[in-house]
N, C-alpha and C. Protein backbone atom coordinates (compact mmCIF):
# COMPACT_ATOMS: atom_id res chain seq x y z
N MET A 1 66.24 88.71 118.97
CA MET A 1 67.13 90.29 119.58
C MET A 1 65.62 90.84 120.40
N ARG A 2 65.17 90.71 121.12
CA ARG A 2 64.43 91.76 122.33
C ARG A 2 64.96 93.35 122.04
N GLN A 3 64.47 94.49 121.70
CA GLN A 3 65.16 95.80 121.96
C GLN A 3 66.56 95.48 122.78
N GLU A 4 65.62 95.77 124.15
CA GLU A 4 66.43 96.25 125.36
C GLU A 4 68.15 94.85 125.48
N GLU A 5 68.34 94.60 124.75
CA GLU A 5 69.15 93.02 123.87
C GLU A 5 69.79 93.91 123.56
N ALA A 6 69.63 94.30 122.27
CA ALA A 6 69.82 95.16 120.20
C ALA A 6 70.48 96.78 121.11
N GLN A 7 70.20 97.41 123.08
CA GLN A 7 70.74 98.15 123.15
C GLN A 7 71.82 97.68 123.64
N ALA A 8 71.81 97.02 124.58
CA ALA A 8 73.01 96.53 125.29
C ALA A 8 74.40 96.55 123.98
N LEU A 9 73.65 95.48 123.48
CA LEU A 9 75.08 94.87 122.42
C LEU A 9 75.30 96.18 121.76
N LEU A 10 74.77 97.46 121.83
CA LEU A 10 74.74 98.33 120.38
C LEU A 10 75.89 99.21 121.96
N GLY A 11 75.36 99.24 122.24
CA GLY A 11 76.19 100.02 123.87
C GLY A 11 77.76 99.93 123.89
N GLN A 12 77.75 98.35 123.57
CA GLN A 12 79.12 97.18 123.37
C GLN A 12 79.71 97.94 121.64
N TYR A 13 79.78 98.15 120.95
CA TYR A 13 79.44 98.04 119.57
C TYR A 13 80.26 99.03 120.17
N ARG A 14 79.80 100.17 120.27
CA ARG A 14 79.60 102.02 120.64
C ARG A 14 81.13 102.04 121.31
N THR A 15 80.91 101.46 122.73
CA THR A 15 82.24 101.65 123.35
C THR A 15 83.47 101.00 122.06
N GLN A 16 83.47 100.11 122.27
CA GLN A 16 84.38 99.57 121.03
C GLN A 16 85.39 100.55 119.65
N ILE A 17 83.92 101.05 119.50
CA ILE A 17 84.46 102.03 118.53
C ILE A 17 84.89 103.22 118.97
N ASP A 18 84.97 103.80 119.93
CA ASP A 18 84.87 104.81 120.95
C ASP A 18 86.58 104.96 120.94
N SER A 19 86.91 103.34 121.46
CA SER A 19 87.97 103.51 121.92
C SER A 19 88.84 103.10 120.65
N LEU A 20 88.68 102.62 119.88
CA LEU A 20 89.20 102.92 118.49
C LEU A 20 89.25 103.83 118.03
N ASP A 21 88.73 104.71 117.88
CA ASP A 21 89.10 105.99 117.13
C ASP A 21 90.10 106.94 118.27
N THR A 22 90.10 106.55 119.43
CA THR A 22 90.39 107.84 120.15
C THR A 22 92.00 106.82 119.91
N GLN A 23 92.39 105.73 119.44
CA GLN A 23 93.83 105.07 119.17
C GLN A 23 93.78 105.51 117.83
N ILE A 24 92.96 105.98 116.83
CA ILE A 24 94.13 106.46 115.31
C ILE A 24 93.37 108.13 115.35
N LEU A 25 92.45 108.23 116.62
CA LEU A 25 93.27 109.67 116.49
C LEU A 25 94.84 109.88 117.35
N ALA A 26 95.22 109.47 117.88
CA ALA A 26 96.60 109.26 118.73
C ALA A 26 97.73 109.20 117.41
N LEU A 27 97.60 107.85 116.97
CA LEU A 27 98.27 107.19 115.52
C LEU A 27 98.19 108.41 114.17
N LEU A 28 97.32 108.64 114.32
CA LEU A 28 97.52 110.24 113.03
C LEU A 28 97.94 111.59 113.86
N ASN A 29 98.32 111.45 115.09
CA ASN A 29 98.47 112.95 116.22
C ASN A 29 100.08 112.61 115.96
N GLU A 30 100.48 110.94 116.22
CA GLU A 30 102.28 110.54 115.54
C GLU A 30 102.81 110.71 114.28
N ARG A 31 101.74 109.91 113.72
CA ARG A 31 102.13 110.72 111.72
C ARG A 31 102.64 112.24 112.04
N ALA A 32 101.28 112.88 111.94
CA ALA A 32 101.78 113.76 111.39
C ALA A 32 103.31 114.89 112.58
N ARG A 33 103.29 114.49 113.67
CA ARG A 33 105.26 115.09 114.08
C ARG A 33 106.02 114.01 113.29
N ILE A 34 105.58 113.35 112.97
CA ILE A 34 106.59 112.61 111.88
C ILE A 34 107.08 113.68 110.74
N ALA A 35 105.69 113.99 110.34
CA ALA A 35 105.02 114.58 108.62
C ALA A 35 106.40 115.59 109.37
N GLU A 36 105.64 116.45 110.44
CA GLU A 36 105.81 117.77 110.54
C GLU A 36 108.14 117.36 110.10
N ALA A 37 108.45 116.78 111.18
CA ALA A 37 110.15 116.19 111.09
C ALA A 37 110.49 115.91 110.05
N ILE A 38 109.59 114.96 108.80
CA ILE A 38 110.08 115.62 107.18
C ILE A 38 110.26 116.80 106.71
N GLY A 39 109.29 117.40 106.73
CA GLY A 39 108.62 119.55 106.52
C GLY A 39 110.29 120.04 106.18
N ASP A 40 110.27 119.80 107.88
CA ASP A 40 111.99 120.35 108.64
C ASP A 40 113.37 119.93 108.10
N ALA A 41 113.00 118.88 107.43
CA ALA A 41 114.40 117.77 106.57
C ALA A 41 114.21 118.25 104.52
N LYS A 42 113.15 119.01 103.99
CA LYS A 42 112.56 118.66 103.45
C LYS A 42 113.21 120.21 103.61
N SER A 43 112.03 121.68 103.88
CA SER A 43 112.33 123.05 104.58
C SER A 43 114.32 123.02 104.11
N SER A 44 115.05 122.40 105.20
CA SER A 44 116.22 122.83 105.36
C SER A 44 116.99 122.15 103.89
N ALA A 45 116.58 121.38 103.08
CA ALA A 45 117.48 120.14 101.96
C ALA A 45 117.29 122.04 100.76
N GLY A 46 115.91 122.15 100.64
CA GLY A 46 115.20 123.23 99.57
C GLY A 46 114.61 122.35 98.82
N LEU A 47 114.00 121.12 99.62
CA LEU A 47 113.33 120.29 98.40
C LEU A 47 111.45 120.25 98.21
N PRO A 48 111.11 120.90 97.83
CA PRO A 48 109.78 120.38 97.30
C PRO A 48 108.18 120.13 98.79
N VAL A 49 107.84 120.43 98.95
CA VAL A 49 106.87 119.67 100.15
C VAL A 49 106.61 118.06 99.30
N VAL A 50 105.62 119.08 98.38
CA VAL A 50 104.72 117.33 97.49
C VAL A 50 105.66 116.77 96.70
N GLU A 51 105.57 115.30 97.75
CA GLU A 51 106.66 114.19 96.43
C GLU A 51 105.02 113.37 95.56
N LEU A 52 104.60 113.64 94.44
CA LEU A 52 103.27 113.22 94.67
C LEU A 52 104.11 111.41 93.67
N ALA A 53 105.09 110.87 93.71
CA ALA A 53 105.25 109.78 93.34
C ALA A 53 104.72 109.04 94.44
N ARG A 54 105.96 109.80 95.78
CA ARG A 54 105.73 108.92 96.98
C ARG A 54 103.84 108.98 97.43
N GLU A 55 103.49 110.30 97.07
CA GLU A 55 101.58 110.09 97.81
C GLU A 55 101.54 108.52 97.07
N LYS A 56 101.83 108.78 96.01
CA LYS A 56 101.24 108.05 96.32
C LYS A 56 101.36 105.82 95.75
N ALA A 57 102.98 105.48 96.23
CA ALA A 57 103.10 104.85 96.59
C ALA A 57 102.68 104.05 97.88
N VAL A 58 102.28 105.23 98.38
CA VAL A 58 102.04 104.86 100.26
C VAL A 58 100.19 104.20 99.84
N ILE A 59 99.73 105.19 99.21
CA ILE A 59 98.35 104.77 99.10
C ILE A 59 97.85 103.57 98.42
N ASP A 60 98.53 103.42 97.48
CA ASP A 60 98.89 102.14 96.36
C ASP A 60 99.39 100.97 97.52
N ARG A 61 100.39 101.06 98.08
CA ARG A 61 100.89 100.60 99.16
C ARG A 61 99.60 99.76 99.98
N MET A 62 98.43 100.90 101.17
CA MET A 62 97.55 100.51 101.95
C MET A 62 96.20 99.78 100.67
N VAL A 63 96.75 100.41 100.11
CA VAL A 63 95.20 99.87 99.49
C VAL A 63 95.27 98.30 99.06
N GLU A 64 96.54 97.29 98.09
CA GLU A 64 97.09 96.91 98.87
C GLU A 64 97.39 96.22 99.42
N ARG A 65 98.07 96.00 101.13
CA ARG A 65 97.62 95.57 101.93
C ARG A 65 96.43 95.61 102.56
N ASN A 66 95.53 96.01 102.34
CA ASN A 66 93.56 96.06 102.96
C ASN A 66 93.20 95.00 102.99
N PRO A 67 93.13 93.82 104.02
CA PRO A 67 92.45 93.43 104.18
C PRO A 67 90.62 92.86 103.68
N GLY A 68 90.42 94.81 103.81
CA GLY A 68 88.50 94.30 103.90
C GLY A 68 87.74 94.65 105.68
N PRO A 69 87.52 94.82 106.23
CA PRO A 69 86.06 95.02 105.26
C PRO A 69 85.81 95.94 104.15
N LEU A 70 86.47 97.21 104.21
CA LEU A 70 86.95 98.73 103.34
C LEU A 70 87.20 98.14 102.21
N GLU A 71 86.21 98.85 101.06
CA GLU A 71 86.28 97.88 99.64
C GLU A 71 88.11 99.52 99.01
N GLY A 72 88.94 98.94 98.15
CA GLY A 72 90.15 99.28 98.11
C GLY A 72 90.18 101.04 97.49
N GLU A 73 89.14 101.61 97.30
CA GLU A 73 88.82 102.66 96.94
C GLU A 73 88.26 103.05 98.19
N ALA A 74 87.77 103.09 99.10
CA ALA A 74 86.96 103.74 100.52
C ALA A 74 88.84 103.73 100.74
N VAL A 75 89.93 102.99 100.52
CA VAL A 75 91.05 103.12 101.98
C VAL A 75 91.91 104.06 100.68
N GLY A 76 91.77 104.06 99.02
CA GLY A 76 92.68 105.03 98.68
C GLY A 76 92.24 107.16 99.30
N ARG A 77 90.46 106.56 99.78
CA ARG A 77 90.05 108.14 99.45
C ARG A 77 89.88 108.38 101.68
N ILE A 78 90.39 107.52 102.22
CA ILE A 78 90.55 108.02 103.78
C ILE A 78 92.64 107.75 103.40
N TYR A 79 92.92 107.33 102.17
CA TYR A 79 94.80 108.30 102.57
C TYR A 79 95.07 108.98 101.72
N GLN A 80 94.68 109.15 100.55
CA GLN A 80 94.60 110.90 100.13
C GLN A 80 94.22 111.43 100.83
N THR A 81 92.92 111.56 102.00
CA THR A 81 92.96 112.79 102.94
C THR A 81 94.17 112.69 103.64
N VAL A 82 94.21 112.14 104.42
CA VAL A 82 95.63 112.15 105.40
C VAL A 82 96.67 112.39 104.47
N MET A 83 97.15 112.24 103.38
CA MET A 83 97.91 112.96 102.63
C MET A 83 98.26 113.99 102.14
N LEU A 84 97.32 114.22 101.89
CA LEU A 84 96.75 115.30 102.03
C LEU A 84 97.04 117.06 102.72
N GLU A 85 96.70 115.78 104.10
CA GLU A 85 96.49 116.45 105.77
C GLU A 85 97.93 116.59 106.13
N MET A 86 99.02 115.24 105.79
CA MET A 86 100.57 115.93 105.70
C MET A 86 101.24 116.83 105.02
N ARG A 87 100.50 116.68 103.96
CA ARG A 87 101.50 118.01 103.33
C ARG A 87 100.89 119.47 102.82
N ARG A 88 99.36 119.47 104.70
CA ARG A 88 99.11 121.10 104.64
C ARG A 88 100.34 121.60 105.30
N ILE A 89 99.79 120.18 106.67
CA ILE A 89 101.51 120.66 108.30
C ILE A 89 102.77 121.05 107.17
N GLN A 90 102.86 120.28 106.86
CA GLN A 90 104.42 120.82 106.34
C GLN A 90 104.38 121.97 105.57
N GLU A 91 103.30 122.11 104.43
CA GLU A 91 103.92 123.63 104.10
C GLU A 91 103.27 125.31 105.53
N LEU A 92 102.48 124.63 106.25
CA LEU A 92 101.96 125.54 107.18
C LEU A 92 103.70 125.76 107.50
N ARG A 93 104.33 124.85 108.58
CA ARG A 93 105.96 125.10 109.18
C ARG A 93 106.57 126.27 108.54
N ARG A 94 106.36 125.79 106.55
CA ARG A 94 107.44 126.92 106.01
C ARG A 94 107.09 128.40 106.43
N LYS A 95 105.68 128.47 106.35
CA LYS A 95 105.69 130.47 106.51
C LYS A 95 106.25 130.70 107.51
């Protein structure tokens, strides 16, 4: 493959990734809005923000459903970060 062809192909792939990143961001923000509502419900009921069993279940489920090519450990780390941020959103709403 010539360098010009490679650059054109890379441009196409990067455009696809940019589009996917926009979709991922929209989904994360939708998830965050739901996490806010969950946090409000927990607060109203006097429940704690942190539910480690639920967080573990979500992470385990996503690792199990992962078809690859991401490694399971990578999916676990990604979802640990997602869960941490959703927890942080809930905690901030309590202040």
